[in-house]
Amino acid sequence: MLGTVQDVTERKLAEQELMVSKRTIDAILETVGEGVMAVEPDMKITYVNEKLAGSSFFFTLQKG
């Protein structure tokens, strides 16, 4: 029988830190008083906060 052992402690800590950072950013973007949208260079929308999602501007944008 063969096997390998790998210490993934650093990776797990990095994943936890990333998750905390993402939650913090999400909380900020959801509570800011303005609409926020993230768009990729190919014009793909990757994020819209609640303020913008509920606006008539975003509704018009979605209809094209």
C-alpha atoms as a PDB file:
ATOM      1  CA  MET A   1       0.000   0.000   0.000  1.00  0.00           C
ATOM      2  CA  LEU A   2       1.277   3.442  -0.929  1.00  0.00           C
ATOM      3  CA  GLY A   3       0.120   6.825   0.253  1.00  0.00           C
ATOM      4  CA  THR A   4       1.099  10.438   0.594  1.00  0.00           C
ATOM      5  CA  VAL A   5       0.635  12.967   3.321  1.00  0.00           C
ATOM      6  CA  GLN A   6       0.351  16.667   2.610  1.00  0.00           C
ATOM      7  CA  ASP A   7       0.003  19.472   5.126  1.00  0.00           C
ATOM      8  CA  VAL A   8      -2.852  21.688   3.934  1.00  0.00           C
ATOM      9  CA  THR A   9      -2.876  23.979   6.971  1.00  0.00           C
ATOM     10  CA  GLU A  10      -1.622  27.022   5.060  1.00  0.00           C
ATOM     11  CA  ARG A  11      -4.115  26.488   2.255  1.00  0.00           C
ATOM     12  CA  LYS A  12      -7.015  26.115   4.702  1.00  0.00           C
ATOM     13  CA  LEU A  13      -5.981  29.289   6.540  1.00  0.00           C
ATOM     14  CA  ALA A  14      -5.756  31.175   3.239  1.00  0.00           C
ATOM     15  CA  GLU A  15      -9.217  29.909   2.233  1.00  0.00           C
ATOM     16  CA  GLN A  16     -10.652  31.067   5.572  1.00  0.00           C
ATOM     17  CA  GLU A  17      -9.039  34.496   5.220  1.00  0.00           C
ATOM     18  CA  LEU A  18     -10.407  34.815   1.693  1.00  0.00           C
ATOM     19  CA  MET A  19     -13.900  33.890   2.892  1.00  0.00           C
ATOM     20  CA  VAL A  20     -13.760  36.511   5.659  1.00  0.00           C
ATOM     21  CA  SER A  21     -12.552  39.144   3.185  1.00  0.00           C
ATOM     22  CA  LYS A  22     -15.336  38.266   0.745  1.00  0.00           C
ATOM     23  CA  ARG A  23     -17.981  38.538   3.478  1.00  0.00           C
ATOM     24  CA  THR A  24     -16.599  41.923   4.509  1.00  0.00           C
ATOM     25  CA  ILE A  25     -16.613  43.255   0.949  1.00  0.00           C
ATOM     26  CA  ASP A  26     -20.109  41.876   0.333  1.00  0.00           C
ATOM     27  CA  ALA A  27     -21.388  43.549   3.510  1.00  0.00           C
ATOM     28  CA  ILE A  28     -19.890  46.879   2.463  1.00  0.00           C
ATOM     29  CA  LEU A  29     -21.269  46.678  -1.070  1.00  0.00           C
ATOM     30  CA  GLU A  30     -24.738  45.732   0.141  1.00  0.00           C
ATOM     31  CA  THR A  31     -24.957  48.585   2.665  1.00  0.00           C
ATOM     32  CA  VAL A  32     -23.475  51.394   0.575  1.00  0.00           C
ATOM     33  CA  GLY A  33     -26.092  53.922  -0.475  1.00  0.00           C
ATOM     34  CA  GLU A  34     -25.305  53.676  -4.186  1.00  0.00           C
ATOM     35  CA  GLY A  35     -25.805  51.045  -6.854  1.00  0.00           C
ATOM     36  CA  VAL A  36     -22.664  49.021  -7.544  1.00  0.00           C
ATOM     37  CA  MET A  37     -21.968  46.769 -10.522  1.00  0.00           C
ATOM     38  CA  ALA A  38     -18.863  44.782 -11.525  1.00  0.00           C
ATOM     39  CA  VAL A  39     -18.362  44.168 -15.225  1.00  0.00           C
ATOM     40  CA  GLU A  40     -15.707  41.991 -16.895  1.00  0.00           C
ATOM     41  CA  PRO A  41     -13.764  43.276 -19.932  1.00  0.00           C
ATOM     42  CA  ASP A  42     -16.051  41.155 -22.150  1.00  0.00           C
ATOM     43  CA  MET A  43     -19.023  43.094 -20.674  1.00  0.00           C
ATOM     44  CA  LYS A  44     -20.226  40.158 -18.573  1.00  0.00           C
ATOM     45  CA  ILE A  45     -21.879  41.456 -15.396  1.00  0.00           C
ATOM     46  CA  THR A  46     -20.397  39.594 -12.437  1.00  0.00           C
ATOM     47  CA  TYR A  47     -21.896  41.483  -9.493  1.00  0.00           C
ATOM     48  CA  VAL A  48     -24.822  43.807  -8.799  1.00  0.00           C
ATOM     49  CA  ASN A  49     -25.722  44.981  -5.316  1.00  0.00           C
ATOM     50  CA  GLU A  50     -29.324  45.163  -4.089  1.00  0.00           C
ATOM     51  CA  LYS A  51     -29.532  48.934  -4.509  1.00  0.00           C
ATOM     52  CA  LEU A  52     -28.776  48.694  -8.236  1.00  0.00           C
ATOM     53  CA  ALA A  53     -30.690  45.454  -8.793  1.00  0.00           C
ATOM     54  CA  GLY A  54     -33.881  47.120  -7.595  1.00  0.00           C
ATOM     55  CA  SER A  55     -33.459  50.194  -9.771  1.00  0.00           C
ATOM     56  CA  SER A  56     -35.176  50.952 -13.059  1.00  0.00           C
ATOM     57  CA  PHE A  57     -31.721  51.526 -14.616  1.00  0.00           C
ATOM     58  CA  PHE A  58     -30.733  47.903 -14.050  1.00  0.00           C
ATOM     59  CA  PHE A  59     -34.123  46.678 -15.294  1.00  0.00           C
ATOM     60  CA  THR A  60     -33.610  48.680 -18.519  1.00  0.00           C
ATOM     61  CA  LEU A  61     -30.017  47.405 -18.806  1.00  0.00           C
ATOM     62  CA  GLN A  62     -31.182  43.794 -18.559  1.00  0.00           C
ATOM     63  CA  LYS A  63     -33.758  44.250 -21.312  1.00  0.00           C
ATOM     64  CA  GLY A  64     -30.954  45.467 -23.587  1.00  0.00           C
END
